[in-house]
PDB file of N, CA and C in Angstrom:
ATOM      1  N   MET A   1      20.741 -21.977  -6.114  1.00  0.00           N
ATOM      2  CA  MET A   1      19.451 -22.374  -5.278  1.00  0.00           C
ATOM      3  C   MET A   1      19.915 -21.422  -4.002  1.00  0.00           C
ATOM      4  N   GLU A   2      20.840 -21.245  -3.577  1.00  0.00           N
ATOM      5  CA  GLU A   2      20.584 -20.543  -2.926  1.00  0.00           C
ATOM      6  C   GLU A   2      20.333 -18.931  -3.076  1.00  0.00           C
ATOM      7  N   LYS A   3      20.224 -18.444  -4.462  1.00  0.00           N
ATOM      8  CA  LYS A   3      20.180 -17.640  -5.207  1.00  0.00           C
ATOM      9  C   LYS A   3      18.505 -17.141  -5.062  1.00  0.00           C
ATOM     10  N   ALA A   4      18.320 -18.876  -5.375  1.00  0.00           N
ATOM     11  CA  ALA A   4      16.216 -18.691  -5.153  1.00  0.00           C
ATOM     12  C   ALA A   4      15.964 -18.912  -4.224  1.00  0.00           C
ATOM     13  N   VAL A   5      16.461 -19.044  -2.900  1.00  0.00           N
ATOM     14  CA  VAL A   5      15.794 -18.901  -1.917  1.00  0.00           C
ATOM     15  C   VAL A   5      16.039 -17.337  -1.453  1.00  0.00           C
ATOM     16  N   ILE A   6      17.427 -16.574  -1.699  1.00  0.00           N
ATOM     17  CA  ILE A   6      17.216 -15.396  -1.296  1.00  0.00           C
ATOM     18  C   ILE A   6      16.288 -14.627  -2.180  1.00  0.00           C
ATOM     19  N   TRP A   7      16.207 -15.081  -3.137  1.00  0.00           N
ATOM     20  CA  TRP A   7      14.841 -13.886  -3.879  1.00  0.00           C
ATOM     21  C   TRP A   7      13.409 -13.814  -3.873  1.00  0.00           C
ATOM     22  N   ALA A   8      13.475 -15.918  -3.368  1.00  0.00           N
ATOM     23  CA  ALA A   8      12.208 -16.153  -2.925  1.00  0.00           C
ATOM     24  C   ALA A   8      11.820 -14.492  -1.358  1.00  0.00           C
ATOM     25  N   PHE A   9      12.666 -15.076  -0.772  1.00  0.00           N
ATOM     26  CA  PHE A   9      13.283 -14.920   0.597  1.00  0.00           C
ATOM     27  C   PHE A   9      12.522 -12.850   0.657  1.00  0.00           C
ATOM     28  N   LEU A  10      13.297 -11.944  -0.272  1.00  0.00           N
ATOM     29  CA  LEU A  10      13.234 -10.681  -0.713  1.00  0.00           C
ATOM     30  C   LEU A  10      11.785 -10.564  -1.378  1.00  0.00           C
ATOM     31  N   LEU A  11      11.362 -11.178  -2.756  1.00  0.00           N
ATOM     32  CA  LEU A  11       9.874 -10.578  -3.104  1.00  0.00           C
ATOM     33  C   LEU A  11       8.848 -11.168  -2.190  1.00  0.00           C
ATOM     34  N   GLY A  12       9.034 -12.185  -0.956  1.00  0.00           N
ATOM     35  CA  GLY A  12       8.295 -12.420  -0.134  1.00  0.00           C
ATOM     36  C   GLY A  12       7.774 -11.413   0.513  1.00  0.00           C
ATOM     37  N   GLY A  13       8.884 -10.975   1.131  1.00  0.00           N
ATOM     38  CA  GLY A  13       9.326  -9.685   1.943  1.00  0.00           C
ATOM     39  C   GLY A  13       8.537  -8.830   1.448  1.00  0.00           C
ATOM     40  N   PHE A  14       8.919  -8.357   0.492  1.00  0.00           N
ATOM     41  CA  PHE A  14       8.174  -7.286  -0.210  1.00  0.00           C
ATOM     42  C   PHE A  14       7.066  -7.041  -0.797  1.00  0.00           C
ATOM     43  N   TYR A  15       6.227  -8.406  -1.053  1.00  0.00           N
ATOM     44  CA  TYR A  15       4.869  -8.219  -0.909  1.00  0.00           C
ATOM     45  C   TYR A  15       4.190  -8.201   0.443  1.00  0.00           C
ATOM     46  N   PHE A  16       4.958  -9.166   1.553  1.00  0.00           N
ATOM     47  CA  PHE A  16       3.923  -9.017   2.574  1.00  0.00           C
ATOM     48  C   PHE A  16       4.123  -7.250   3.472  1.00  0.00           C
ATOM     49  N   VAL A  17       4.635  -6.888   3.290  1.00  0.00           N
ATOM     50  CA  VAL A  17       5.095  -4.954   2.974  1.00  0.00           C
ATOM     51  C   VAL A  17       4.096  -4.372   2.411  1.00  0.00           C
ATOM     52  N   TRP A  18       4.500  -4.597   1.318  1.00  0.00           N
ATOM     53  CA  TRP A  18       2.915  -4.363   0.085  1.00  0.00           C
ATOM     54  C   TRP A  18       1.812  -4.262   0.892  1.00  0.00           C
ATOM     55  N   THR A  19       1.138  -5.452   0.813  1.00  0.00           N
ATOM     56  CA  THR A  19      -0.098  -5.234   0.928  1.00  0.00           C
ATOM     57  C   THR A  19      -0.735  -5.237   2.253  1.00  0.00           C
ATOM     58  N   SER A  20       0.944  -5.061   3.279  1.00  0.00           N
ATOM     59  CA  SER A  20       0.378  -5.164   5.009  1.00  0.00           C
ATOM     60  C   SER A  20      -0.016  -3.580   5.137  1.00  0.00           C
ATOM     61  N   ILE A  21       1.333  -2.762   4.523  1.00  0.00           N
ATOM     62  CA  ILE A  21       1.559  -1.222   4.502  1.00  0.00           C
ATOM     63  C   ILE A  21       1.312  -0.393   3.902  1.00  0.00           C
ATOM     64  N   LEU A  22       1.650  -1.027   2.089  1.00  0.00           N
ATOM     65  CA  LEU A  22       1.488   0.503   1.464  1.00  0.00           C
ATOM     66  C   LEU A  22       0.512   0.237   0.852  1.00  0.00           C
ATOM     67  N   ARG A  23      -0.539  -0.308   0.388  1.00  0.00           N
ATOM     68  CA  ARG A  23      -1.661  -0.834  -0.012  1.00  0.00           C
ATOM     69  C   ARG A  23      -2.905  -0.006   0.796  1.00  0.00           C
ATOM     70  N   PRO A  24      -2.641  -0.067   2.100  1.00  0.00           N
ATOM     71  CA  PRO A  24      -3.905   0.645   2.734  1.00  0.00           C
ATOM     72  C   PRO A  24      -3.653   1.652   3.038  1.00  0.00           C
ATOM     73  N   ALA A  25      -1.957   1.839   3.000  1.00  0.00           N
ATOM     74  CA  ALA A  25      -1.783   3.526   3.140  1.00  0.00           C
ATOM     75  C   ALA A  25      -2.426   4.503   2.011  1.00  0.00           C
ATOM     76  N   PHE A  26      -1.933   3.470   1.137  1.00  0.00           N
ATOM     77  CA  PHE A  26      -2.894   4.080  -0.132  1.00  0.00           C
ATOM     78  C   PHE A  26      -3.915   4.439  -0.507  1.00  0.00           C
ATOM     79  N   GLN A  27      -4.702   3.840   0.232  1.00  0.00           N
ATOM     80  CA  GLN A  27      -6.305   3.143   0.040  1.00  0.00           C
ATOM     81  C   GLN A  27      -7.017   4.353   0.715  1.00  0.00           C
ATOM     82  N   ASP A  28      -5.948   4.480   1.788  1.00  0.00           N
ATOM     83  CA  ASP A  28      -6.386   5.491   3.037  1.00  0.00           C
ATOM     84  C   ASP A  28      -6.051   6.511   2.701  1.00  0.00           C
ATOM     85  N   SER A  29      -5.353   7.097   1.655  1.00  0.00           N
ATOM     86  CA  SER A  29      -5.056   8.467   0.643  1.00  0.00           C
ATOM     87  C   SER A  29      -5.562   8.725  -0.189  1.00  0.00           C
ATOM     88  N   ALA A  30      -6.274   7.844  -0.608  1.00  0.00           N
ATOM     89  CA  ALA A  30      -7.095   7.831  -2.235  1.00  0.00           C
ATOM     90  C   ALA A  30      -8.917   8.452  -1.524  1.00  0.00           C
ATOM     91  N   GLU A  31      -9.105   7.447  -0.048  1.00  0.00           N
ATOM     92  CA  GLU A  31     -10.534   7.862   0.739  1.00  0.00           C
ATOM     93  C   GLU A  31     -10.838   8.861   0.662  1.00  0.00           C
ATOM     94  N   ARG A  32      -9.592   9.908   1.696  1.00  0.00           N
ATOM     95  CA  ARG A  32      -8.979  11.171   2.322  1.00  0.00           C
ATOM     96  C   ARG A  32      -9.375  12.683   1.111  1.00  0.00           C
ATOM     97  N   GLN A  33      -8.600  12.172  -0.340  1.00  0.00           N
ATOM     98  CA  GLN A  33      -8.525  12.827  -0.772  1.00  0.00           C
ATOM     99  C   GLN A  33     -10.390  12.286  -1.714  1.00  0.00           C
ATOM    100  N   ALA A  34     -10.538  11.819  -1.790  1.00  0.00           N
ATOM    101  CA  ALA A  34     -12.462  11.927  -2.057  1.00  0.00           C
ATOM    102  C   ALA A  34     -13.456  12.601  -1.383  1.00  0.00           C
ATOM    103  N   ASP A  35     -12.638  12.313  -0.103  1.00  0.00           N
ATOM    104  CA  ASP A  35     -13.345  12.677   0.796  1.00  0.00           C
ATOM    105  C   ASP A  35     -13.117  14.763   1.090  1.00  0.00           C
ATOM    106  N   ILE A  36     -12.494  15.064   1.029  1.00  0.00           N
ATOM    107  CA  ILE A  36     -12.136  16.295   0.887  1.00  0.00           C
ATOM    108  C   ILE A  36     -12.385  16.891  -0.608  1.00  0.00           C
ATOM    109  N   LEU A  37     -12.077  15.895  -1.911  1.00  0.00           N
ATOM    110  CA  LEU A  37     -12.810  16.558  -2.943  1.00  0.00           C
ATOM    111  C   LEU A  37     -14.596  16.598  -3.326  1.00  0.00           C
ATOM    112  N   ASN A  38     -15.338  15.496  -1.664  1.00  0.00           N
ATOM    113  CA  ASN A  38     -16.486  16.067  -1.964  1.00  0.00           C
ATOM    114  C   ASN A  38     -16.907  16.728  -0.730  1.00  0.00           C
ATOM    115  N   ASN A  39     -16.409  17.057  -0.095  1.00  0.00           N
ATOM    116  CA  ASN A  39     -16.908  17.936   1.080  1.00  0.00           C
ATOM    117  C   ASN A  39     -16.198  18.596   0.890  1.00  0.00           C
ATOM    118  N   THR A  40     -15.657  19.734  -0.648  1.00  0.00           N
ATOM    119  CA  THR A  40     -16.109  21.355  -0.840  1.00  0.00           C
ATOM    120  C   THR A  40     -16.988  21.853  -0.901  1.00  0.00           C
ATOM    121  N   GLY A  41     -16.605  23.061   0.050  1.00  0.00           N
ATOM    122  CA  GLY A  41     -17.865  23.993   0.146  1.00  0.00           C
ATOM    123  C   GLY A  41     -19.080  23.415   1.044  1.00  0.00           C
ATOM    124  N   ASP A  42     -18.546  22.190   1.766  1.00  0.00           N
ATOM    125  CA  ASP A  42     -19.546  21.946   2.908  1.00  0.00           C
ATOM    126  C   ASP A  42     -19.535  23.245   3.837  1.00  0.00           C
ATOM    127  N   GLU A  43     -18.214  23.143   4.317  1.00  0.00           N
ATOM    128  CA  GLU A  43     -18.019  23.860   6.057  1.00  0.00           C
ATOM    129  C   GLU A  43     -17.928  25.489   6.106  1.00  0.00           C
TER     130      GLU A  43
END
């Protein structure tokens, strides 16, 4: 029973960290990379 609670807590915390920190960071870096590729030769 306690193991299930611990696993739920760990998975919930990991999901929160993923959605709040990691995924936005990946999206930002992907957008920056796209901007760099699109802006090649403009400057």
